[in-house]
PDB file of N, CA and C in Angstrom:
ATOM      1  N   MET A   1       3.155   1.529  25.816  1.00  0.00           N
ATOM      2  CA  MET A   1       2.272   2.530  26.495  1.00  0.00           C
ATOM      3  C   MET A   1       3.232   3.900  26.116  1.00  0.00           C
ATOM      4  N   ILE A   2       2.393   4.763  26.120  1.00  0.00           N
ATOM      5  CA  ILE A   2       2.509   6.146  25.620  1.00  0.00           C
ATOM      6  C   ILE A   2       3.320   6.914  26.852  1.00  0.00           C
ATOM      7  N   GLY A   3       4.366   7.838  26.171  1.00  0.00           N
ATOM      8  CA  GLY A   3       5.322   8.461  27.154  1.00  0.00           C
ATOM      9  C   GLY A   3       4.657   9.787  27.378  1.00  0.00           C
ATOM     10  N   LEU A   4       3.464   9.758  28.401  1.00  0.00           N
ATOM     11  CA  LEU A   4       3.179  11.697  28.771  1.00  0.00           C
ATOM     12  C   LEU A   4       4.358  11.979  29.709  1.00  0.00           C
ATOM     13  N   THR A   5       4.029  13.158  29.354  1.00  0.00           N
ATOM     14  CA  THR A   5       5.440  14.099  30.206  1.00  0.00           C
ATOM     15  C   THR A   5       4.415  15.162  30.906  1.00  0.00           C
ATOM     16  N   PRO A   6       4.749  15.200  32.397  1.00  0.00           N
ATOM     17  CA  PRO A   6       3.782  16.443  33.065  1.00  0.00           C
ATOM     18  C   PRO A   6       4.390  17.858  32.637  1.00  0.00           C
ATOM     19  N   HIS A   7       3.843  18.415  32.590  1.00  0.00           N
ATOM     20  CA  HIS A   7       4.130  20.143  32.197  1.00  0.00           C
ATOM     21  C   HIS A   7       3.533  21.092  33.104  1.00  0.00           C
ATOM     22  N   ALA A   8       4.117  22.141  33.421  1.00  0.00           N
ATOM     23  CA  ALA A   8       3.739  23.238  34.206  1.00  0.00           C
ATOM     24  C   ALA A   8       2.194  23.605  33.945  1.00  0.00           C
ATOM     25  N   ASN A   9       2.068  23.613  32.232  1.00  0.00           N
ATOM     26  CA  ASN A   9       0.475  24.006  32.019  1.00  0.00           C
ATOM     27  C   ASN A   9      -0.185  22.639  31.441  1.00  0.00           C
ATOM     28  N   GLY A  10      -0.112  21.367  31.643  1.00  0.00           N
ATOM     29  CA  GLY A  10      -0.823  20.426  31.572  1.00  0.00           C
ATOM     30  C   GLY A  10       0.150  19.051  31.249  1.00  0.00           C
ATOM     31  N   THR A  11       0.200  18.406  29.864  1.00  0.00           N
ATOM     32  CA  THR A  11       0.658  17.288  29.929  1.00  0.00           C
ATOM     33  C   THR A  11       1.216  17.223  28.300  1.00  0.00           C
ATOM     34  N   ILE A  12       2.433  16.743  28.232  1.00  0.00           N
ATOM     35  CA  ILE A  12       3.132  16.614  26.836  1.00  0.00           C
ATOM     36  C   ILE A  12       2.810  15.446  26.501  1.00  0.00           C
ATOM     37  N   VAL A  13       2.256  15.353  25.383  1.00  0.00           N
ATOM     38  CA  VAL A  13       1.752  14.041  24.424  1.00  0.00           C
ATOM     39  C   VAL A  13       2.697  13.924  23.160  1.00  0.00           C
ATOM     40  N   PRO A  14       3.840  12.675  23.098  1.00  0.00           N
ATOM     41  CA  PRO A  14       4.503  12.556  22.037  1.00  0.00           C
ATOM     42  C   PRO A  14       3.387  12.152  20.951  1.00  0.00           C
ATOM     43  N   VAL A  15       3.740  12.721  19.526  1.00  0.00           N
ATOM     44  CA  VAL A  15       2.650  11.986  18.546  1.00  0.00           C
ATOM     45  C   VAL A  15       3.832  11.311  17.328  1.00  0.00           C
ATOM     46  N   HIS A  16       3.031  10.256  16.532  1.00  0.00           N
ATOM     47  CA  HIS A  16       3.421   9.752  15.391  1.00  0.00           C
ATOM     48  C   HIS A  16       2.165  10.314  14.692  1.00  0.00           C
ATOM     49  N   ALA A  17       2.823  11.237  13.751  1.00  0.00           N
ATOM     50  CA  ALA A  17       1.983  11.708  12.793  1.00  0.00           C
ATOM     51  C   ALA A  17       1.797  10.906  11.418  1.00  0.00           C
ATOM     52  N   GLN A  18       0.519  10.758  10.942  1.00  0.00           N
ATOM     53  CA  GLN A  18       0.164  10.094   9.740  1.00  0.00           C
ATOM     54  C   GLN A  18      -0.736  10.966   8.565  1.00  0.00           C
ATOM     55  N   PRO A  19       0.217  11.525   8.108  1.00  0.00           N
ATOM     56  CA  PRO A  19      -0.720  12.714   7.363  1.00  0.00           C
ATOM     57  C   PRO A  19      -1.055  12.152   5.992  1.00  0.00           C
ATOM     58  N   GLY A  20      -1.996  12.447   5.102  1.00  0.00           N
ATOM     59  CA  GLY A  20      -2.684  12.027   3.984  1.00  0.00           C
ATOM     60  C   GLY A  20      -3.033  10.399   4.191  1.00  0.00           C
ATOM     61  N   ALA A  21      -4.022  10.353   5.182  1.00  0.00           N
ATOM     62  CA  ALA A  21      -4.517   9.087   5.362  1.00  0.00           C
ATOM     63  C   ALA A  21      -5.590   9.049   4.970  1.00  0.00           C
ATOM     64  N   LYS A  22      -6.545   7.956   5.057  1.00  0.00           N
ATOM     65  CA  LYS A  22      -8.144   7.830   4.894  1.00  0.00           C
ATOM     66  C   LYS A  22      -9.070   8.523   5.400  1.00  0.00           C
ATOM     67  N   ARG A  23      -8.940   8.530   6.536  1.00  0.00           N
ATOM     68  CA  ARG A  23      -9.545   9.422   7.768  1.00  0.00           C
ATOM     69  C   ARG A  23      -8.929   9.848   9.282  1.00  0.00           C
ATOM     70  N   ASN A  24      -9.354  10.472   9.535  1.00  0.00           N
ATOM     71  CA  ASN A  24      -8.916  11.490  10.784  1.00  0.00           C
ATOM     72  C   ASN A  24      -8.938  10.478  11.974  1.00  0.00           C
ATOM     73  N   ALA A  25      -8.031   9.660  12.714  1.00  0.00           N
ATOM     74  CA  ALA A  25      -8.470   9.271  13.636  1.00  0.00           C
ATOM     75  C   ALA A  25      -7.114   8.856  14.635  1.00  0.00           C
ATOM     76  N   VAL A  26      -7.352   8.756  16.041  1.00  0.00           N
ATOM     77  CA  VAL A  26      -6.408   7.809  16.907  1.00  0.00           C
ATOM     78  C   VAL A  26      -6.112   6.819  16.260  1.00  0.00           C
ATOM     79  N   ILE A  27      -4.869   6.097  16.146  1.00  0.00           N
ATOM     80  CA  ILE A  27      -5.033   4.855  15.466  1.00  0.00           C
ATOM     81  C   ILE A  27      -4.349   3.498  16.508  1.00  0.00           C
ATOM     82  N   GLY A  28      -3.576   4.135  17.487  1.00  0.00           N
ATOM     83  CA  GLY A  28      -2.730   3.587  18.445  1.00  0.00           C
ATOM     84  C   GLY A  28      -1.786   3.938  18.748  1.00  0.00           C
ATOM     85  N   GLU A  29      -0.557   3.023  19.067  1.00  0.00           N
ATOM     86  CA  GLU A  29       0.606   3.732  19.639  1.00  0.00           C
ATOM     87  C   GLU A  29       1.714   2.982  19.298  1.00  0.00           C
ATOM     88  N   ARG A  30       2.647   3.847  18.665  1.00  0.00           N
ATOM     89  CA  ARG A  30       3.952   3.400  18.257  1.00  0.00           C
ATOM     90  C   ARG A  30       5.148   3.841  18.720  1.00  0.00           C
ATOM     91  N   ALA A  31       5.962   3.017  19.810  1.00  0.00           N
ATOM     92  CA  ALA A  31       7.193   3.195  20.130  1.00  0.00           C
ATOM     93  C   ALA A  31       7.339   4.520  21.336  1.00  0.00           C
ATOM     94  N   GLY A  32       6.065   4.419  22.123  1.00  0.00           N
ATOM     95  CA  GLY A  32       5.819   5.433  22.928  1.00  0.00           C
ATOM     96  C   GLY A  32       5.190   6.823  22.390  1.00  0.00           C
ATOM     97  N   SER A  33       4.713   6.724  21.461  1.00  0.00           N
ATOM     98  CA  SER A  33       3.849   7.730  20.993  1.00  0.00           C
ATOM     99  C   SER A  33       2.519   7.321  20.261  1.00  0.00           C
ATOM    100  N   LEU A  34       1.834   8.452  20.325  1.00  0.00           N
ATOM    101  CA  LEU A  34       0.293   8.330  19.998  1.00  0.00           C
ATOM    102  C   LEU A  34       0.349   8.291  18.785  1.00  0.00           C
ATOM    103  N   ARG A  35      -0.182   7.282  17.849  1.00  0.00           N
ATOM    104  CA  ARG A  35      -0.396   7.242  16.277  1.00  0.00           C
ATOM    105  C   ARG A  35      -1.709   8.026  15.882  1.00  0.00           C
ATOM    106  N   VAL A  36      -1.549   9.372  15.131  1.00  0.00           N
ATOM    107  CA  VAL A  36      -2.503  10.078  15.129  1.00  0.00           C
ATOM    108  C   VAL A  36      -2.566   9.825  13.301  1.00  0.00           C
ATOM    109  N   ALA A  37      -3.867   9.626  12.935  1.00  0.00           N
ATOM    110  CA  ALA A  37      -3.908   9.653  11.435  1.00  0.00           C
ATOM    111  C   ALA A  37      -4.774  10.868  10.655  1.00  0.00           C
ATOM    112  N   VAL A  38      -4.412  11.559   9.731  1.00  0.00           N
ATOM    113  CA  VAL A  38      -5.133  12.524   9.233  1.00  0.00           C
ATOM    114  C   VAL A  38      -5.335  12.376   7.861  1.00  0.00           C
ATOM    115  N   THR A  39      -6.000  13.013   7.262  1.00  0.00           N
ATOM    116  CA  THR A  39      -6.527  13.073   5.946  1.00  0.00           C
ATOM    117  C   THR A  39      -5.678  14.669   5.326  1.00  0.00           C
ATOM    118  N   ALA A  40      -5.426  15.631   6.375  1.00  0.00           N
ATOM    119  CA  ALA A  40      -4.674  16.624   5.871  1.00  0.00           C
ATOM    120  C   ALA A  40      -3.159  16.401   4.828  1.00  0.00           C
ATOM    121  N   ALA A  41      -2.773  16.926   3.784  1.00  0.00           N
ATOM    122  CA  ALA A  41      -1.654  16.664   3.500  1.00  0.00           C
ATOM    123  C   ALA A  41      -0.355  17.428   4.410  1.00  0.00           C
ATOM    124  N   PRO A  42       0.893  17.055   4.317  1.00  0.00           N
ATOM    125  CA  PRO A  42       1.729  17.734   5.487  1.00  0.00           C
ATOM    126  C   PRO A  42       2.186  19.189   4.716  1.00  0.00           C
ATOM    127  N   GLU A  43       1.483  20.086   4.230  1.00  0.00           N
ATOM    128  CA  GLU A  43       2.026  21.422   3.766  1.00  0.00           C
ATOM    129  C   GLU A  43       1.324  22.596   4.606  1.00  0.00           C
ATOM    130  N   LYS A  44       1.954  23.517   4.713  1.00  0.00           N
ATOM    131  CA  LYS A  44       1.516  24.948   5.400  1.00  0.00           C
ATOM    132  C   LYS A  44       0.913  24.707   6.587  1.00  0.00           C
ATOM    133  N   GLY A  45       1.201  23.194   7.541  1.00  0.00           N
ATOM    134  CA  GLY A  45       0.842  23.552   8.613  1.00  0.00           C
ATOM    135  C   GLY A  45      -0.640  22.843   8.954  1.00  0.00           C
ATOM    136  N   LYS A  46      -0.917  22.285   7.556  1.00  0.00           N
ATOM    137  CA  LYS A  46      -2.452  21.832   7.626  1.00  0.00           C
ATOM    138  C   LYS A  46      -2.753  20.347   8.139  1.00  0.00           C
ATOM    139  N   ALA A  47      -1.282  19.517   8.331  1.00  0.00           N
ATOM    140  CA  ALA A  47      -1.664  18.005   8.880  1.00  0.00           C
ATOM    141  C   ALA A  47      -1.547  18.252  10.535  1.00  0.00           C
ATOM    142  N   ASN A  48      -0.753  19.656  10.936  1.00  0.00           N
ATOM    143  CA  ASN A  48      -0.419  19.780  12.461  1.00  0.00           C
ATOM    144  C   ASN A  48      -1.577  20.235  12.768  1.00  0.00           C
ATOM    145  N   ALA A  49      -2.495  21.115  12.185  1.00  0.00           N
ATOM    146  CA  ALA A  49      -3.752  21.827  12.338  1.00  0.00           C
ATOM    147  C   ALA A  49      -4.605  20.820  12.727  1.00  0.00           C
ATOM    148  N   ALA A  50      -4.769  19.980  11.691  1.00  0.00           N
ATOM    149  CA  ALA A  50      -5.580  18.488  11.839  1.00  0.00           C
ATOM    150  C   ALA A  50      -5.499  17.696  12.857  1.00  0.00           C
ATOM    151  N   ILE A  51      -4.258  17.344  13.154  1.00  0.00           N
ATOM    152  CA  ILE A  51      -3.880  16.392  14.474  1.00  0.00           C
ATOM    153  C   ILE A  51      -4.263  17.032  15.660  1.00  0.00           C
ATOM    154  N   GLY A  52      -3.898  18.245  15.600  1.00  0.00           N
ATOM    155  CA  GLY A  52      -4.732  19.035  16.971  1.00  0.00           C
ATOM    156  C   GLY A  52      -5.982  19.100  17.323  1.00  0.00           C
ATOM    157  N   GLU A  53      -7.070  19.014  16.128  1.00  0.00           N
ATOM    158  CA  GLU A  53      -8.365  18.734  16.132  1.00  0.00           C
ATOM    159  C   GLU A  53      -8.577  17.214  16.690  1.00  0.00           C
ATOM    160  N   VAL A  54      -7.723  16.383  15.788  1.00  0.00           N
ATOM    161  CA  VAL A  54      -8.284  15.046  16.701  1.00  0.00           C
ATOM    162  C   VAL A  54      -7.656  15.005  17.847  1.00  0.00           C
ATOM    163  N   LEU A  55      -6.646  15.208  18.526  1.00  0.00           N
ATOM    164  CA  LEU A  55      -6.130  15.288  19.766  1.00  0.00           C
ATOM    165  C   LEU A  55      -7.501  16.103  20.566  1.00  0.00           C
ATOM    166  N   ALA A  56      -8.071  17.400  20.116  1.00  0.00           N
ATOM    167  CA  ALA A  56      -8.860  17.668  21.162  1.00  0.00           C
ATOM    168  C   ALA A  56     -10.331  16.849  21.097  1.00  0.00           C
ATOM    169  N   GLU A  57     -10.639  16.655  20.188  1.00  0.00           N
ATOM    170  CA  GLU A  57     -11.644  15.365  19.852  1.00  0.00           C
ATOM    171  C   GLU A  57     -11.918  14.228  20.869  1.00  0.00           C
ATOM    172  N   ALA A  58     -10.653  13.525  20.506  1.00  0.00           N
ATOM    173  CA  ALA A  58     -10.050  12.505  21.352  1.00  0.00           C
ATOM    174  C   ALA A  58     -10.015  12.614  22.664  1.00  0.00           C
ATOM    175  N   LEU A  59      -9.690  13.702  23.059  1.00  0.00           N
ATOM    176  CA  LEU A  59      -9.651  13.741  24.721  1.00  0.00           C
ATOM    177  C   LEU A  59     -10.739  14.557  25.296  1.00  0.00           C
ATOM    178  N   GLY A  60     -11.548  15.269  24.475  1.00  0.00           N
ATOM    179  CA  GLY A  60     -12.927  15.976  24.813  1.00  0.00           C
ATOM    180  C   GLY A  60     -12.700  17.215  25.396  1.00  0.00           C
ATOM    181  N   CYS A  61     -11.456  18.009  24.980  1.00  0.00           N
ATOM    182  CA  CYS A  61     -11.342  19.307  25.413  1.00  0.00           C
ATOM    183  C   CYS A  61     -11.374  20.283  24.171  1.00  0.00           C
ATOM    184  N   ARG A  62     -11.213  21.624  24.551  1.00  0.00           N
ATOM    185  CA  ARG A  62     -11.467  22.779  23.380  1.00  0.00           C
ATOM    186  C   ARG A  62      -9.988  22.505  22.640  1.00  0.00           C
ATOM    187  N   SER A  63      -9.994  22.599  21.599  1.00  0.00           N
ATOM    188  CA  SER A  63      -9.017  22.950  20.168  1.00  0.00           C
ATOM    189  C   SER A  63      -8.108  23.884  20.958  1.00  0.00           C
ATOM    190  N   SER A  64      -8.231  25.126  21.485  1.00  0.00           N
ATOM    191  CA  SER A  64      -7.653  25.639  22.311  1.00  0.00           C
ATOM    192  C   SER A  64      -6.558  25.567  23.183  1.00  0.00           C
ATOM    193  N   GLN A  65      -6.844  24.431  23.597  1.00  0.00           N
ATOM    194  CA  GLN A  65      -5.908  23.864  24.801  1.00  0.00           C
ATOM    195  C   GLN A  65      -4.820  22.639  24.328  1.00  0.00           C
ATOM    196  N   VAL A  66      -4.719  22.576  22.874  1.00  0.00           N
ATOM    197  CA  VAL A  66      -4.077  21.561  22.424  1.00  0.00           C
ATOM    198  C   VAL A  66      -3.135  22.658  21.623  1.00  0.00           C
ATOM    199  N   GLY A  67      -1.912  22.153  21.908  1.00  0.00           N
ATOM    200  CA  GLY A  67      -0.882  23.273  20.795  1.00  0.00           C
ATOM    201  C   GLY A  67       0.648  22.422  20.666  1.00  0.00           C
ATOM    202  N   LEU A  68       0.861  22.720  19.287  1.00  0.00           N
ATOM    203  CA  LEU A  68       2.034  21.838  19.014  1.00  0.00           C
ATOM    204  C   LEU A  68       3.231  22.627  19.813  1.00  0.00           C
ATOM    205  N   LEU A  69       3.960  21.618  20.286  1.00  0.00           N
ATOM    206  CA  LEU A  69       5.223  22.211  20.812  1.00  0.00           C
ATOM    207  C   LEU A  69       6.530  22.168  20.148  1.00  0.00           C
ATOM    208  N   SER A  70       6.517  20.900  19.238  1.00  0.00           N
ATOM    209  CA  SER A  70       7.733  20.608  18.634  1.00  0.00           C
ATOM    210  C   SER A  70       7.581  19.729  17.665  1.00  0.00           C
ATOM    211  N   GLY A  71       8.544  19.789  16.530  1.00  0.00           N
ATOM    212  CA  GLY A  71       8.228  18.792  15.475  1.00  0.00           C
ATOM    213  C   GLY A  71       7.128  19.037  13.995  1.00  0.00           C
ATOM    214  N   GLU A  72       7.250  20.582  13.767  1.00  0.00           N
ATOM    215  CA  GLU A  72       6.395  20.887  12.976  1.00  0.00           C
ATOM    216  C   GLU A  72       6.636  20.298  11.615  1.00  0.00           C
ATOM    217  N   THR A  73       7.564  20.083  11.235  1.00  0.00           N
ATOM    218  CA  THR A  73       8.026  19.555   9.852  1.00  0.00           C
ATOM    219  C   THR A  73       8.333  17.929  10.039  1.00  0.00           C
ATOM    220  N   SER A  74       8.546  17.266  11.235  1.00  0.00           N
ATOM    221  CA  SER A  74       8.564  15.967  11.519  1.00  0.00           C
ATOM    222  C   SER A  74       7.236  14.899  11.655  1.00  0.00           C
ATOM    223  N   ARG A  75       7.339  13.891  11.635  1.00  0.00           N
ATOM    224  CA  ARG A  75       6.553  12.981  11.770  1.00  0.00           C
ATOM    225  C   ARG A  75       6.436  12.798  13.372  1.00  0.00           C
ATOM    226  N   GLN A  76       7.320  12.819  13.837  1.00  0.00           N
ATOM    227  CA  GLN A  76       7.514  12.852  15.517  1.00  0.00           C
ATOM    228  C   GLN A  76       7.364  14.171  15.991  1.00  0.00           C
ATOM    229  N   LYS A  77       6.074  14.293  16.755  1.00  0.00           N
ATOM    230  CA  LYS A  77       5.653  15.688  17.120  1.00  0.00           C
ATOM    231  C   LYS A  77       5.658  15.532  18.854  1.00  0.00           C
ATOM    232  N   ARG A  78       5.580  16.828  19.537  1.00  0.00           N
ATOM    233  CA  ARG A  78       5.166  17.018  21.066  1.00  0.00           C
ATOM    234  C   ARG A  78       4.023  17.754  20.799  1.00  0.00           C
ATOM    235  N   PHE A  79       2.875  17.259  21.291  1.00  0.00           N
ATOM    236  CA  PHE A  79       1.708  18.496  21.741  1.00  0.00           C
ATOM    237  C   PHE A  79       1.327  18.615  23.116  1.00  0.00           C
ATOM    238  N   LEU A  80       1.283  19.908  23.332  1.00  0.00           N
ATOM    239  CA  LEU A  80       0.794  20.307  24.738  1.00  0.00           C
ATOM    240  C   LEU A  80      -0.617  20.270  24.757  1.00  0.00           C
ATOM    241  N   ILE A  81      -1.241  19.367  25.872  1.00  0.00           N
ATOM    242  CA  ILE A  81      -2.543  19.453  26.169  1.00  0.00           C
ATOM    243  C   ILE A  81      -2.834  20.222  27.434  1.00  0.00           C
ATOM    244  N   ALA A  82      -3.184  21.781  27.340  1.00  0.00           N
ATOM    245  CA  ALA A  82      -3.060  22.525  28.678  1.00  0.00           C
ATOM    246  C   ALA A  82      -4.439  21.936  29.594  1.00  0.00           C
ATOM    247  N   GLY A  83      -4.062  22.074  31.107  1.00  0.00           N
ATOM    248  CA  GLY A  83      -5.057  22.341  31.857  1.00  0.00           C
ATOM    249  C   GLY A  83      -5.661  20.553  32.365  1.00  0.00           C
ATOM    250  N   ILE A  84      -4.900  19.791  31.352  1.00  0.00           N
ATOM    251  CA  ILE A  84      -5.424  18.543  31.760  1.00  0.00           C
ATOM    252  C   ILE A  84      -3.803  17.588  32.458  1.00  0.00           C
ATOM    253  N   ASP A  85      -4.114  17.155  33.495  1.00  0.00           N
ATOM    254  CA  ASP A  85      -2.737  16.145  33.900  1.00  0.00           C
ATOM    255  C   ASP A  85      -2.335  14.779  33.415  1.00  0.00           C
ATOM    256  N   PRO A  86      -1.400  14.085  33.176  1.00  0.00           N
ATOM    257  CA  PRO A  86      -0.990  12.801  32.426  1.00  0.00           C
ATOM    258  C   PRO A  86      -1.867  11.978  32.721  1.00  0.00           C
ATOM    259  N   ASP A  87      -2.219  11.905  34.168  1.00  0.00           N
ATOM    260  CA  ASP A  87      -3.163  10.847  34.648  1.00  0.00           C
ATOM    261  C   ASP A  87      -4.669  10.586  33.994  1.00  0.00           C
ATOM    262  N   GLU A  88      -5.049  12.044  33.538  1.00  0.00           N
ATOM    263  CA  GLU A  88      -6.332  12.362  33.149  1.00  0.00           C
ATOM    264  C   GLU A  88      -6.264  11.999  31.663  1.00  0.00           C
ATOM    265  N   VAL A  89      -5.307  12.559  31.152  1.00  0.00           N
ATOM    266  CA  VAL A  89      -4.904  12.262  29.631  1.00  0.00           C
ATOM    267  C   VAL A  89      -5.135  10.724  29.337  1.00  0.00           C
ATOM    268  N   ARG A  90      -4.468   9.922  30.126  1.00  0.00           N
ATOM    269  CA  ARG A  90      -4.185   8.696  30.039  1.00  0.00           C
ATOM    270  C   ARG A  90      -5.529   7.807  30.012  1.00  0.00           C
ATOM    271  N   ARG A  91      -6.502   8.374  31.183  1.00  0.00           N
ATOM    272  CA  ARG A  91      -7.416   7.769  31.156  1.00  0.00           C
ATOM    273  C   ARG A  91      -8.493   8.255  30.019  1.00  0.00           C
ATOM    274  N   ARG A  92      -8.374   9.300  29.536  1.00  0.00           N
ATOM    275  CA  ARG A  92      -9.320   9.433  28.378  1.00  0.00           C
ATOM    276  C   ARG A  92      -8.636   8.836  27.005  1.00  0.00           C
ATOM    277  N   LEU A  93      -7.496   8.501  26.831  1.00  0.00           N
ATOM    278  CA  LEU A  93      -7.070   8.112  25.711  1.00  0.00           C
ATOM    279  C   LEU A  93      -7.293   6.344  25.837  1.00  0.00           C
ATOM    280  N   ALA A  94      -7.550   6.074  26.709  1.00  0.00           N
ATOM    281  CA  ALA A  94      -7.620   4.475  27.114  1.00  0.00           C
ATOM    282  C   ALA A  94      -8.294   3.550  26.171  1.00  0.00           C
ATOM    283  N   PRO A  95      -9.732   4.465  26.336  1.00  0.00           N
ATOM    284  CA  PRO A  95     -10.866   3.705  25.360  1.00  0.00           C
ATOM    285  C   PRO A  95     -10.531   3.691  23.829  1.00  0.00           C
ATOM    286  N   LEU A  96      -9.598   4.771  23.523  1.00  0.00           N
ATOM    287  CA  LEU A  96      -9.415   4.650  21.981  1.00  0.00           C
ATOM    288  C   LEU A  96      -8.112   3.924  21.629  1.00  0.00           C
ATOM    289  N   LEU A  97      -7.464   3.096  22.570  1.00  0.00           N
ATOM    290  CA  LEU A  97      -6.221   2.286  22.378  1.00  0.00           C
ATOM    291  C   LEU A  97      -6.340   0.845  22.012  1.00  0.00           C
ATOM    292  N   PRO A  98      -6.154   0.019  21.282  1.00  0.00           N
ATOM    293  CA  PRO A  98      -6.350  -1.498  21.375  1.00  0.00           C
ATOM    294  C   PRO A  98      -5.690  -1.803  22.851  1.00  0.00           C
ATOM    295  N   ASN A  99      -6.229  -3.021  23.375  1.00  0.00           N
ATOM    296  CA  ASN A  99      -6.120  -3.312  24.683  1.00  0.00           C
ATOM    297  C   ASN A  99      -4.522  -4.378  24.321  1.00  0.00           C
ATOM    298  N   PRO A 100      -3.746  -4.409  25.413  1.00  0.00           N
ATOM    299  CA  PRO A 100      -2.466  -4.957  25.252  1.00  0.00           C
ATOM    300  C   PRO A 100      -2.945  -6.403  24.963  1.00  0.00           C
ATOM    301  N   GLU A 101      -1.576  -6.811  24.450  1.00  0.00           N
ATOM    302  CA  GLU A 101      -1.899  -8.346  24.209  1.00  0.00           C
ATOM    303  C   GLU A 101      -2.154  -9.381  25.644  1.00  0.00           C
ATOM    304  N   PRO A 102      -3.045  -9.861  25.718  1.00  0.00           N
ATOM    305  CA  PRO A 102      -3.096 -10.700  26.876  1.00  0.00           C
ATOM    306  C   PRO A 102      -1.596 -11.823  27.109  1.00  0.00           C
ATOM    307  N   GLY A 103      -1.290 -11.955  28.451  1.00  0.00           N
ATOM    308  CA  GLY A 103      -0.261 -13.103  28.200  1.00  0.00           C
ATOM    309  C   GLY A 103      -0.757 -14.258  28.192  1.00  0.00           C
ATOM    310  N   PRO A 104       0.017 -15.470  28.272  1.00  0.00           N
ATOM    311  CA  PRO A 104      -0.331 -16.742  28.113  1.00  0.00           C
ATOM    312  C   PRO A 104      -1.274 -17.178  29.371  1.00  0.00           C
ATOM    313  N   THR A 105      -2.108 -17.801  28.974  1.00  0.00           N
ATOM    314  CA  THR A 105      -3.141 -18.394  30.383  1.00  0.00           C
ATOM    315  C   THR A 105      -2.698 -19.972  30.405  1.00  0.00           C
ATOM    316  N   LEU A 106      -2.625 -19.819  31.793  1.00  0.00           N
ATOM    317  CA  LEU A 106      -2.270 -21.275  32.208  1.00  0.00           C
ATOM    318  C   LEU A 106      -3.680 -22.155  32.154  1.00  0.00           C
ATOM    319  N   PRO A 107      -3.416 -23.631  31.711  1.00  0.00           N
ATOM    320  CA  PRO A 107      -4.538 -24.343  31.813  1.00  0.00           C
ATOM    321  C   PRO A 107      -5.003 -24.641  33.274  1.00  0.00           C
ATOM    322  N   LEU A 108      -6.237 -24.681  33.676  1.00  0.00           N
ATOM    323  CA  LEU A 108      -6.810 -25.075  34.605  1.00  0.00           C
ATOM    324  C   LEU A 108      -7.078 -26.725  35.159  1.00  0.00           C
ATOM    325  N   HIS A 109      -6.275 -26.885  36.448  1.00  0.00           N
ATOM    326  CA  HIS A 109      -6.574 -28.431  36.546  1.00  0.00           C
ATOM    327  C   HIS A 109      -7.425 -28.960  37.132  1.00  0.00           C
TER     328      HIS A 109
END
């Protein structure tokens, strides 16, 4: 589960960045962070800008609502999604994430 944090201006989304990928996409979850792949190289903020664009598209919001809070040169980043509460962010991300593995089923007698 992604560790979304409430913020006075919206929601903080932890992101695990994967720059230099074959396509731009939200690709899942890793250790409590949203995994985001981008084709941009991790140089001069290009990958960070691309991640912001992917997040805005995935969440159905304007790119101006998405801002990098920390992790400029790290794969572990924190983005602020302005104007959207954590429950709404979680709801908007749900269709993009794989379903959790179902538990074992019991045979019917």
